[in-house]
Amino acid sequence: MDFLSTQFAHILQALQNFQLTPWKIVGLLGSVMFTSRWFVQLYYTRKHKRVVMPLSFWWLSVVGSALLLAYFTVGKNDSVGIISNFFPAFVSVYNLIVHMRHHKNSITGDTIE
């Protein structure tokens, strides 16, 4: 039981020393947005009874990645965080561009080449 009480004391001390800075808010908001995209995707997949990647999934990915990149670049200066969020941001922006081109072409009747 001594081990558990020591661990609990460490957790309480860490919580007492926790400081919520503006950059931590940016990072936490980015993390919440990036994670929430999976709940959006799950909702649409259940609604349509097939795997669906709605446009909001990609917007949440872009905004979440941008906030996380800002946090890791400016707020924390963490190269691992920068690298781990750059690629998802790139893929999300690419998918948004493809979606917008497809949507524009379906409205105008242009063929996609």
Protein backbone atom coordinates (compact mmCIF):
# COMPACT_ATOMS: atom_id res chain seq x y z
CA MET A 1 0.00 0.00 0.00
CA ASP A 2 3.00 2.26 0.53
CA PHE A 3 3.69 2.26 -3.23
CA LEU A 4 0.13 3.39 -4.01
CA SER A 5 0.19 6.20 -1.48
CA THR A 6 3.54 7.41 -2.85
CA GLN A 7 2.18 7.38 -6.41
CA PHE A 8 -0.97 9.20 -5.32
CA ALA A 9 1.17 11.84 -3.58
CA HIS A 10 3.19 12.34 -6.81
CA ILE A 11 0.00 12.75 -8.83
CA LEU A 12 -1.38 15.31 -6.38
CA GLN A 13 1.90 17.24 -6.44
CA ALA A 14 1.92 17.26 -10.25
CA LEU A 15 -1.67 18.56 -10.32
CA GLN A 16 -0.77 21.32 -7.85
CA ASN A 17 2.13 22.42 -10.08
CA PHE A 18 0.03 22.36 -13.28
CA GLN A 19 -0.11 25.76 -14.96
CA LEU A 20 -2.55 26.50 -17.75
CA THR A 21 -0.73 28.82 -20.14
CA PRO A 22 -2.13 30.32 -23.37
CA TRP A 23 0.00 27.91 -25.41
CA LYS A 24 -1.25 24.92 -23.42
CA ILE A 25 -4.79 26.06 -24.21
CA VAL A 26 -3.86 26.15 -27.92
CA GLY A 27 -2.35 22.66 -27.66
CA LEU A 28 -5.28 21.24 -25.72
CA LEU A 29 -7.81 22.77 -28.13
CA GLY A 30 -5.87 21.32 -31.08
CA SER A 31 -5.79 17.92 -29.43
CA VAL A 32 -9.54 18.02 -28.71
CA MET A 33 -10.31 19.05 -32.31
CA PHE A 34 -8.00 16.44 -33.81
CA THR A 35 -9.48 13.71 -31.60
CA SER A 36 -13.10 14.79 -32.14
CA ARG A 37 -12.81 14.08 -35.86
CA TRP A 38 -13.02 10.36 -35.06
CA PHE A 39 -16.33 10.84 -33.25
CA VAL A 40 -17.64 12.75 -36.28
CA GLN A 41 -16.49 9.95 -38.58
CA LEU A 42 -18.06 7.33 -36.31
CA TYR A 43 -21.37 9.23 -36.28
CA TYR A 44 -21.54 9.47 -40.10
CA THR A 45 -20.49 5.86 -40.55
CA ARG A 46 -23.25 4.68 -38.22
CA LYS A 47 -25.77 7.02 -39.87
CA HIS A 48 -25.01 5.82 -43.42
CA LYS A 49 -24.21 2.20 -42.43
CA ARG A 50 -20.97 2.33 -44.42
CA VAL A 51 -17.57 3.94 -43.90
CA VAL A 52 -17.89 7.67 -44.53
CA MET A 53 -15.25 10.41 -44.25
CA PRO A 54 -17.34 13.60 -44.08
CA LEU A 55 -15.95 17.00 -45.00
CA SER A 56 -16.04 18.03 -41.33
CA PHE A 57 -13.55 15.23 -40.59
CA TRP A 58 -10.99 16.92 -42.83
CA TRP A 59 -11.72 20.41 -41.47
CA LEU A 60 -11.27 19.18 -37.91
CA SER A 61 -8.02 17.51 -39.02
CA VAL A 62 -6.67 20.70 -40.62
CA VAL A 63 -7.63 23.01 -37.75
CA GLY A 64 -6.50 20.53 -35.08
CA SER A 65 -3.19 19.94 -36.84
CA ALA A 66 -2.62 23.68 -37.33
CA LEU A 67 -3.23 24.36 -33.64
CA LEU A 68 -0.98 21.48 -32.62
CA LEU A 69 1.73 22.63 -35.03
CA ALA A 70 1.52 26.14 -33.55
CA TYR A 71 1.76 24.72 -30.04
CA PHE A 72 4.71 22.45 -30.80
CA THR A 73 6.51 25.07 -32.91
CA VAL A 74 6.06 28.24 -30.87
CA GLY A 75 4.71 27.17 -27.51
CA LYS A 76 6.93 24.20 -26.79
CA ASN A 77 9.64 24.09 -29.49
CA ASP A 78 9.33 20.31 -29.76
CA SER A 79 10.64 18.78 -32.98
CA VAL A 80 8.91 15.42 -32.37
CA GLY A 81 5.52 17.14 -32.05
CA ILE A 82 6.20 19.21 -35.16
CA ILE A 83 7.11 16.17 -37.24
CA SER A 84 4.22 14.06 -35.93
CA ASN A 85 1.65 16.76 -36.82
CA PHE A 86 3.06 18.06 -40.10
CA PHE A 87 2.19 15.01 -42.19
CA PRO A 88 -1.46 14.75 -41.00
CA ALA A 89 -1.88 18.47 -41.73
CA PHE A 90 -0.50 17.99 -45.24
CA VAL A 91 -2.77 14.99 -45.95
CA SER A 92 -5.83 16.78 -44.57
CA VAL A 93 -5.23 19.89 -46.69
CA TYR A 94 -4.71 17.69 -49.75
CA ASN A 95 -7.98 15.84 -49.12
CA LEU A 96 -9.86 19.12 -48.68
CA ILE A 97 -8.50 20.37 -52.01
CA VAL A 98 -9.51 17.13 -53.76
CA HIS A 99 -12.98 17.32 -52.20
CA MET A 100 -13.48 20.95 -53.26
CA ARG A 101 -12.33 20.20 -56.82
CA HIS A 102 -14.66 17.22 -57.03
CA HIS A 103 -17.57 19.23 -55.61
CA LYS A 104 -16.90 22.11 -58.04
CA ASN A 105 -16.67 19.71 -60.99
CA SER A 106 -19.88 17.92 -60.02
CA ILE A 107 -21.70 21.27 -59.97
CA THR A 108 -20.25 22.56 -63.26
CA GLY A 109 -20.37 19.18 -65.03
CA ASP A 110 -16.63 19.29 -65.83
CA THR A 111 -14.82 15.99 -66.08
CA ILE A 112 -12.03 15.14 -63.66
CA GLU A 113 -8.73 14.30 -65.32
